[in-house]
């Protein structure tokens, strides 16, 4: 290992905090260090995130170098002898407050301590081609993510010809499941209210085969700029962008067939790949975000056509941000009917995707259909 890894990792950990996520600090430290090769950068990232993954198990009071070494040994033992960690041991993987805010299972805790999987989403019909062109990409289809591929190879995917041609996106499998469950139709008008840099927007557009329109909104212009760049590479054109602050004014005139609210949340479902957030999130965050989530749901109802659908998704697992929000919306809107999410035995009006289920992030999804009035339900005369 490069002798700079531990000192640089120590610097990242010292600078990271509630307002400075470790991944952002890591990028800055690598940039400022100069001449950090690909292998050293990868080792540094693994060391930093390994420290936060095993932080609850480390011996307090020891030097940072000792704790970094200890976290690496714990990770090695977990990989080679997972049964050597008891159920009680694994409760140290998360802060104590978590046990009162959500259902905590041993299976979930074990999933948090494993190294995360990198997931790709092939553009519709391109999965076989990606496995041929990208060494290390394995097509791992699921009914909720038919174009999903696992990747564990050495390539810089962003520089690969297949990526430059727009044949795949880097997108977690649970995020892919959200687009699949939205099930947009050709010619629909959808609104992705919290589009961010556009992963789900592009998936909706892809499923619609560039027919119809997806309105993509976000609070931040820079995120929408990234969406435009990504969509241009992927040759996706059936979208429009606008700023939206979560208020009652929709981004454009005309009602939608579907609205996706992938709302801001605490991100508990991402704690496997983002272990730093385990130690910077608080119960107060959950309840403040839940109020924002419910407000956003309430504020979009008038932008939906009769018979249209709202899909609510959050990559968190706390009761406050999931069932509590969904139940409150249902109670406040008798003109909306809860819908089954998915098909078959797994379908429910409130769908949980746990990290141990698909090998990706945790996700909660609920959906509703806007009821038609008696007059709207009667077909118009020819």
Protein backbone atom coordinates (compact mmCIF):
# COMPACT_ATOMS: atom_id res chain seq x y z
CA UNK A 1 0.00 0.00 0.00
CA UNK A 2 1.17 3.53 -0.77
CA UNK A 3 2.55 4.98 2.47
CA UNK A 4 0.46 8.12 1.89
CA UNK A 5 -2.86 6.31 2.29
CA UNK A 6 -3.13 6.43 6.08
CA UNK A 7 -2.05 10.11 6.41
CA UNK A 8 -4.44 11.16 3.64
CA UNK A 9 -7.26 9.05 5.11
CA UNK A 10 -6.64 10.68 8.50
CA UNK A 11 -6.91 14.10 6.87
CA UNK A 12 -10.23 13.21 5.22
CA UNK A 13 -11.67 11.93 8.51
CA UNK A 14 -10.52 15.04 10.39
CA UNK A 15 -12.15 17.37 7.83
CA UNK A 16 -15.39 15.42 7.24
CA UNK A 17 -18.48 16.20 9.28
CA UNK A 18 -22.20 16.89 9.17
CA UNK A 19 -21.80 19.76 6.70
CA UNK A 20 -18.90 18.17 4.81
CA UNK A 21 -19.66 14.64 3.55
CA UNK A 22 -16.67 12.33 3.46
CA UNK A 23 -16.97 11.61 -0.27
CA UNK A 24 -16.79 15.32 -1.10
CA UNK A 25 -13.82 15.86 1.24
CA UNK A 26 -12.12 12.81 -0.26
CA UNK A 27 -12.25 14.32 -3.77
CA UNK A 28 -10.74 17.57 -2.51
CA UNK A 29 -7.95 15.82 -0.60
CA UNK A 30 -7.03 13.69 -3.63
CA UNK A 31 -7.00 16.77 -5.85
CA UNK A 32 -4.85 18.79 -3.46
CA UNK A 33 -2.41 15.93 -2.77
CA UNK A 34 -1.19 15.89 -6.37
CA UNK A 35 0.09 12.89 -8.35
CA UNK A 36 -2.27 10.44 -6.68
CA UNK A 37 -2.52 7.46 -8.99
CA UNK A 38 -5.64 5.41 -9.66
CA UNK A 39 -4.58 2.57 -7.35
CA UNK A 40 -3.72 4.90 -4.48
CA UNK A 41 -6.99 6.80 -4.88
CA UNK A 42 -8.93 3.52 -4.81
CA UNK A 43 -7.05 2.36 -1.69
CA UNK A 44 -7.66 5.70 0.00
CA UNK A 45 -11.38 5.56 -0.74
CA UNK A 46 -11.63 2.00 0.57
CA UNK A 47 -9.72 2.92 3.73
CA UNK A 48 -11.87 5.98 4.49
CA UNK A 49 -15.20 4.27 3.93
CA UNK A 50 -13.99 1.15 5.72
CA UNK A 51 -13.26 3.29 8.77
CA UNK A 52 -16.82 4.63 8.84
CA UNK A 53 -18.30 1.20 8.10
CA UNK A 54 -16.58 -0.27 11.14
CA UNK A 55 -16.46 2.83 13.33
CA UNK A 56 -18.85 1.40 15.92
CA UNK A 57 -16.53 -1.59 16.43
CA UNK A 58 -13.24 0.28 16.84
CA UNK A 59 -11.25 0.57 20.06
CA UNK A 60 -11.72 4.13 21.39
CA UNK A 61 -8.72 6.19 22.41
CA UNK A 62 -6.31 4.56 19.97
CA UNK A 63 -4.39 6.51 17.32
CA UNK A 64 -6.08 7.03 13.98
CA UNK A 65 -3.50 4.82 12.28
CA UNK A 66 -4.36 2.01 14.69
CA UNK A 67 -8.10 2.47 14.07
CA UNK A 68 -7.62 2.45 10.30
CA UNK A 69 -5.65 -0.78 10.56
CA UNK A 70 -8.27 -2.24 12.91
CA UNK A 71 -11.10 -1.39 10.50
CA UNK A 72 -9.23 -3.14 7.67
CA UNK A 73 -8.81 -6.25 9.81
CA UNK A 74 -12.50 -6.24 10.72
CA UNK A 75 -13.45 -5.96 7.05
CA UNK A 76 -11.14 -8.84 6.15
CA UNK A 77 -12.58 -11.03 8.91
CA UNK A 78 -16.14 -10.20 7.91
CA UNK A 79 -15.39 -11.23 4.31
CA UNK A 80 -13.64 -14.45 5.27
CA UNK A 81 -15.59 -15.43 8.40
CA UNK A 82 -18.92 -13.60 8.48
CA UNK A 83 -20.33 -15.99 11.06
CA UNK A 84 -17.67 -14.85 13.55
CA UNK A 85 -19.77 -11.69 14.03
CA UNK A 86 -22.75 -12.41 16.25
CA UNK A 87 -26.14 -10.75 15.88
CA UNK A 88 -25.37 -8.73 18.98
CA UNK A 89 -22.00 -7.65 17.58
CA UNK A 90 -23.64 -6.31 14.44
CA UNK A 91 -25.83 -3.90 16.38
CA UNK A 92 -22.74 -1.73 16.73
CA UNK A 93 -22.89 -1.01 12.99
CA UNK A 94 -25.41 1.82 13.49
CA UNK A 95 -26.11 4.49 16.13
CA UNK A 96 -28.43 3.54 19.00
CA UNK A 97 -31.21 5.93 17.94
CA UNK A 98 -31.81 3.89 14.78
CA UNK A 99 -33.47 1.05 16.72
CA UNK A 100 -36.36 3.30 17.78
CA UNK A 101 -36.92 4.83 14.33
CA UNK A 102 -37.15 1.78 12.09
CA UNK A 103 -37.27 -1.99 11.94
CA UNK A 104 -33.72 -3.25 12.42
CA UNK A 105 -33.00 -6.81 11.35
CA UNK A 106 -29.80 -8.81 11.44
CA UNK A 107 -30.04 -9.33 7.68
CA UNK A 108 -30.04 -5.55 7.15
CA UNK A 109 -27.12 -5.01 9.51
CA UNK A 110 -25.11 -7.71 7.75
CA UNK A 111 -25.84 -6.10 4.39
CA UNK A 112 -24.51 -2.77 5.67
CA UNK A 113 -21.10 -4.28 6.48
CA UNK A 114 -20.53 -5.79 3.05
CA UNK A 115 -18.75 -3.92 0.28
CA UNK A 116 -21.33 -2.27 -2.03
CA UNK A 117 -22.04 -3.48 -5.56
CA UNK A 118 -21.65 -1.13 -8.51
CA UNK A 119 -24.76 -1.34 -10.68
CA UNK A 120 -25.21 -0.35 -14.32
CA UNK A 121 -28.45 0.14 -16.22
CA UNK A 122 -28.25 -0.83 -19.86
CA UNK A 123 -30.37 1.20 -22.22
CA UNK A 124 -33.38 -0.89 -23.19
CA UNK A 125 -32.26 -3.83 -25.35
CA UNK A 126 -28.52 -3.29 -24.85
CA UNK A 127 -27.70 -5.55 -21.89
CA UNK A 128 -26.18 -8.35 -23.99
CA UNK A 129 -24.04 -5.88 -25.91
CA UNK A 130 -22.74 -4.33 -22.67
CA UNK A 131 -21.64 -7.71 -21.33
CA UNK A 132 -19.68 -8.26 -24.54
CA UNK A 133 -18.05 -4.83 -24.59
CA UNK A 134 -17.46 -4.24 -20.85
CA UNK A 135 -15.26 -6.85 -19.23
CA UNK A 136 -16.55 -7.57 -15.73
CA UNK A 137 -20.16 -6.55 -16.45
CA UNK A 138 -22.63 -9.33 -15.63
CA UNK A 139 -26.28 -9.09 -16.62
CA UNK A 140 -28.28 -9.66 -13.41
CA UNK A 141 -31.90 -9.07 -14.43
CA UNK A 142 -34.69 -8.82 -11.91
CA UNK A 143 -38.37 -8.25 -12.57
CA UNK A 144 -37.95 -4.79 -11.06
CA UNK A 145 -34.73 -4.08 -12.97
CA UNK A 146 -34.61 -6.12 -16.21
CA UNK A 147 -31.62 -4.21 -17.63
CA UNK A 148 -29.45 -4.27 -14.49
CA UNK A 149 -25.80 -5.32 -14.65
CA UNK A 150 -23.32 -5.89 -11.84
CA UNK A 151 -19.85 -4.52 -12.43
CA UNK A 152 -16.64 -5.45 -10.65
CA UNK A 153 -14.02 -4.82 -13.33
CA UNK A 154 -11.00 -2.52 -13.50
CA UNK A 155 -12.13 -0.11 -16.23
CA UNK A 156 -12.81 3.59 -15.90
CA UNK A 157 -16.37 3.21 -17.12
CA UNK A 158 -16.76 6.88 -17.98
CA UNK A 159 -14.04 6.51 -20.62
CA UNK A 160 -15.44 3.35 -22.18
CA UNK A 161 -16.79 3.61 -25.76
CA UNK A 162 -20.09 2.04 -24.66
CA UNK A 163 -20.61 4.77 -22.07
CA UNK A 164 -19.63 7.52 -24.49
CA UNK A 165 -22.19 6.15 -26.94
CA UNK A 166 -24.87 6.35 -24.25
CA UNK A 167 -25.48 2.60 -24.09
CA UNK A 168 -25.59 2.43 -20.29
CA UNK A 169 -25.82 4.53 -17.13
CA UNK A 170 -24.36 3.98 -13.69
CA UNK A 171 -27.48 3.59 -11.57
CA UNK A 172 -28.23 1.60 -8.44
CA UNK A 173 -30.58 -1.35 -8.92
CA UNK A 174 -33.13 0.01 -6.41
CA UNK A 175 -33.21 3.29 -8.31
CA UNK A 176 -33.83 1.31 -11.49
CA UNK A 177 -36.75 -0.41 -9.77
CA UNK A 178 -38.44 2.96 -9.20
CA UNK A 179 -38.54 3.68 -12.94
CA UNK A 180 -39.82 0.18 -13.68
CA UNK A 181 -42.63 0.56 -11.13
CA UNK A 182 -43.61 3.95 -12.56
CA UNK A 183 -44.34 2.08 -15.82
CA UNK A 184 -44.72 5.18 -18.04
CA UNK A 185 -46.44 4.67 -21.38
CA UNK A 186 -45.51 5.97 -24.81
CA UNK A 187 -46.90 9.46 -25.26
CA UNK A 188 -47.43 10.10 -21.53
CA UNK A 189 -46.63 13.34 -19.78
CA UNK A 190 -44.63 12.74 -16.60
CA UNK A 191 -43.12 15.05 -14.02
CA UNK A 192 -39.99 14.00 -12.14
CA UNK A 193 -40.17 16.57 -9.36
CA UNK A 194 -36.75 16.02 -7.73
CA UNK A 195 -34.73 15.01 -10.77
CA UNK A 196 -31.28 15.81 -9.43
CA UNK A 197 -28.72 14.90 -12.09
CA UNK A 198 -31.32 12.89 -13.94
CA UNK A 199 -30.87 9.16 -13.35
CA UNK A 200 -34.58 8.44 -12.96
CA UNK A 201 -35.60 11.07 -15.52
CA UNK A 202 -33.46 9.37 -18.16
CA UNK A 203 -34.86 5.97 -17.22
CA UNK A 204 -38.43 7.24 -17.64
CA UNK A 205 -37.52 8.76 -21.02
CA UNK A 206 -35.88 5.51 -22.08
CA UNK A 207 -38.94 3.47 -21.10
CA UNK A 208 -41.08 5.88 -23.12
CA UNK A 209 -38.73 5.43 -26.12
CA UNK A 210 -38.41 9.19 -26.57
CA UNK A 211 -42.19 9.52 -27.04
CA UNK A 212 -44.16 11.86 -24.80
CA UNK A 213 -42.57 14.30 -22.35
CA UNK A 214 -40.88 14.15 -18.96
CA UNK A 215 -40.62 17.40 -17.03
CA UNK A 216 -37.51 17.30 -14.86
CA UNK A 217 -37.33 19.79 -12.00
CA UNK A 218 -34.96 20.47 -9.14
CA UNK A 219 -34.05 23.27 -6.75
CA UNK A 220 -30.50 23.50 -8.13
CA UNK A 221 -29.68 24.69 -11.64
CA UNK A 222 -26.28 22.95 -11.59
CA UNK A 223 -27.94 19.56 -11.20
CA UNK A 224 -30.21 20.22 -14.16
CA UNK A 225 -27.15 21.27 -16.17
CA UNK A 226 -25.62 17.86 -15.45
CA UNK A 227 -28.87 16.23 -16.58
CA UNK A 228 -28.66 18.06 -19.91
CA UNK A 229 -25.07 16.85 -20.40
CA UNK A 230 -25.97 13.26 -19.58
CA UNK A 231 -29.06 13.29 -21.79
CA UNK A 232 -27.11 14.72 -24.73
CA UNK A 233 -24.61 11.87 -24.52
CA UNK A 234 -27.43 9.32 -24.30
CA UNK A 235 -29.37 11.01 -27.14
CA UNK A 236 -32.46 11.44 -25.02
CA UNK A 237 -34.61 14.34 -26.11
CA UNK A 238 -38.15 13.92 -24.74
CA UNK A 239 -37.63 15.94 -21.57
CA UNK A 240 -37.87 19.54 -20.42
CA UNK A 241 -36.19 21.09 -17.40
CA UNK A 242 -37.30 23.78 -14.95
CA UNK A 243 -36.51 24.94 -11.45
CA UNK A 244 -39.03 23.96 -8.76
CA UNK A 245 -38.74 24.73 -5.07
CA UNK A 246 -41.37 22.29 -3.84
CA UNK A 247 -44.17 24.87 -3.80
CA UNK A 248 -47.68 24.77 -5.20
CA UNK A 249 -46.79 26.20 -8.63
CA UNK A 250 -46.10 23.43 -11.17
CA UNK A 251 -43.25 23.85 -13.68
CA UNK A 252 -45.50 24.10 -16.74
CA UNK A 253 -49.11 24.37 -17.82
CA UNK A 254 -51.02 21.18 -18.46
CA UNK A 255 -51.66 18.20 -16.23
CA UNK A 256 -49.60 15.02 -16.05
CA UNK A 257 -50.35 11.35 -16.48
CA UNK A 258 -47.81 10.59 -13.80
CA UNK A 259 -45.75 12.36 -11.16
CA UNK A 260 -42.65 10.88 -9.53
CA UNK A 261 -41.64 12.36 -6.18
CA UNK A 262 -38.23 10.93 -5.39
CA UNK A 263 -38.12 13.15 -2.36
CA UNK A 264 -35.16 14.46 -0.34
CA UNK A 265 -34.63 12.07 2.55
CA UNK A 266 -32.19 10.97 5.24
CA UNK A 267 -30.67 8.35 2.93
CA UNK A 268 -30.65 5.51 5.46
CA UNK A 269 -31.11 3.15 2.53
CA UNK A 270 -27.69 4.20 1.18
CA UNK A 271 -25.73 3.48 4.36
CA UNK A 272 -23.94 0.51 2.83
CA UNK A 273 -22.16 2.62 0.18
CA UNK A 274 -22.23 5.82 2.24
CA UNK A 275 -21.29 4.72 5.78
CA UNK A 276 -20.19 8.22 6.81
CA UNK A 277 -23.86 9.27 6.84
CA UNK A 278 -24.61 6.75 9.62
CA UNK A 279 -22.75 9.00 12.04
CA UNK A 280 -23.95 12.41 10.82
CA UNK A 281 -27.70 11.73 10.53
CA UNK A 282 -29.95 12.43 13.53
CA UNK A 283 -33.60 11.68 14.45
CA UNK A 284 -34.29 15.40 14.05
CA UNK A 285 -33.27 15.13 10.39
CA UNK A 286 -35.78 12.35 9.79
CA UNK A 287 -38.74 14.26 11.15
CA UNK A 288 -37.83 17.54 9.47
CA UNK A 289 -37.49 15.76 6.14
CA UNK A 290 -40.79 13.93 6.64
CA UNK A 291 -42.57 17.30 6.86
CA UNK A 292 -40.96 18.38 3.58
CA UNK A 293 -41.87 15.09 1.90
CA UNK A 294 -45.54 15.33 2.87
CA UNK A 295 -45.66 18.97 1.78
CA UNK A 296 -44.30 18.06 -1.63
CA UNK A 297 -46.89 15.33 -2.06
CA UNK A 298 -49.68 17.70 -1.10
CA UNK A 299 -48.39 20.38 -3.46
CA UNK A 300 -48.45 18.32 -6.67
CA UNK A 301 -51.99 16.91 -6.58
CA UNK A 302 -53.48 19.62 -8.79
CA UNK A 303 -50.90 18.96 -11.50
CA UNK A 304 -52.22 15.42 -12.03
CA UNK A 305 -54.88 14.41 -14.52
CA UNK A 306 -57.91 12.44 -13.28
CA UNK A 307 -56.87 8.80 -13.48
CA UNK A 308 -53.19 9.79 -13.24
CA UNK A 309 -50.68 8.33 -10.78
CA UNK A 310 -48.35 9.70 -8.13
CA UNK A 311 -45.33 7.56 -7.24
CA UNK A 312 -43.52 8.42 -4.00
CA UNK A 313 -40.03 7.00 -3.49
CA UNK A 314 -37.37 7.60 -0.86
CA UNK A 315 -34.04 5.83 -0.34
CA UNK A 316 -34.61 5.64 3.38
CA UNK A 317 -36.11 3.09 5.77
CA UNK A 318 -37.30 5.13 8.75
CA UNK A 319 -40.96 4.94 9.68
CA UNK A 320 -41.23 8.74 9.82
CA UNK A 321 -40.26 9.17 6.17
CA UNK A 322 -42.05 6.15 4.73
CA UNK A 323 -45.26 4.70 6.13
CA UNK A 324 -46.03 7.79 8.22
CA UNK A 325 -45.83 10.08 5.18
CA UNK A 326 -47.75 7.70 2.93
CA UNK A 327 -50.52 7.12 5.48
CA UNK A 328 -50.85 10.85 6.15
CA UNK A 329 -51.22 11.57 2.43
CA UNK A 330 -53.85 8.83 2.03
CA UNK A 331 -55.83 10.16 5.00
CA UNK A 332 -55.73 13.74 3.70
CA UNK A 333 -56.74 12.91 0.12
CA UNK A 334 -59.85 10.72 -0.17
CA UNK A 335 -59.85 11.58 -3.89
CA UNK A 336 -56.71 9.44 -4.27
CA UNK A 337 -56.76 5.65 -4.24
CA UNK A 338 -53.65 3.72 -3.06
CA UNK A 339 -52.30 1.53 -5.85
CA UNK A 340 -50.54 -1.80 -5.78
CA UNK A 341 -46.84 -1.28 -6.48
CA UNK A 342 -45.57 -4.06 -8.73
CA UNK A 343 -47.15 -7.36 -9.69
CA UNK A 344 -47.37 -10.87 -8.30
CA UNK A 345 -46.94 -11.91 -4.69
CA UNK A 346 -44.62 -8.98 -3.92
CA UNK A 347 -47.14 -6.31 -4.87
CA UNK A 348 -48.40 -4.02 -2.11
CA UNK A 349 -49.63 -0.46 -1.75
CA UNK A 350 -46.44 0.28 0.20
CA UNK A 351 -43.36 -1.47 -1.14
CA UNK A 352 -40.09 -1.92 0.73
CA UNK A 353 -36.86 -2.79 -1.06
CA UNK A 354 -34.20 -3.72 1.48
CA UNK A 355 -30.49 -3.78 0.59
CA UNK A 356 -30.38 -7.52 1.21
CA UNK A 357 -33.23 -8.04 -1.28
CA UNK A 358 -31.56 -6.80 -4.47
CA UNK A 359 -28.00 -6.08 -3.38
CA UNK A 360 -28.33 -2.32 -3.75
CA UNK A 361 -29.77 0.59 -1.82
CA UNK A 362 -32.81 0.39 0.43
CA UNK A 363 -35.94 2.03 -0.98
CA UNK A 364 -39.56 2.68 -0.02
CA UNK A 365 -42.19 3.19 -2.73
CA UNK A 366 -45.89 4.04 -2.53
CA UNK A 367 -48.32 5.02 -5.28
CA UNK A 368 -51.79 6.50 -5.67
CA UNK A 369 -54.27 6.99 -8.49
CA UNK A 370 -56.33 10.16 -8.74
CA UNK A 371 -59.98 9.13 -8.83
CA UNK A 372 -62.22 10.39 -11.61
CA UNK A 373 -65.43 12.18 -10.78
CA UNK A 374 -68.69 10.67 -12.03
CA UNK A 375 -68.69 13.07 -14.96
CA UNK A 376 -65.06 12.33 -15.84
CA UNK A 377 -65.66 8.59 -15.71
CA UNK A 378 -68.37 8.75 -18.39
CA UNK A 379 -66.90 8.39 -21.92
CA UNK A 380 -67.56 11.42 -24.12
CA UNK A 381 -69.93 11.00 -27.03
CA UNK A 382 -68.36 10.34 -30.41
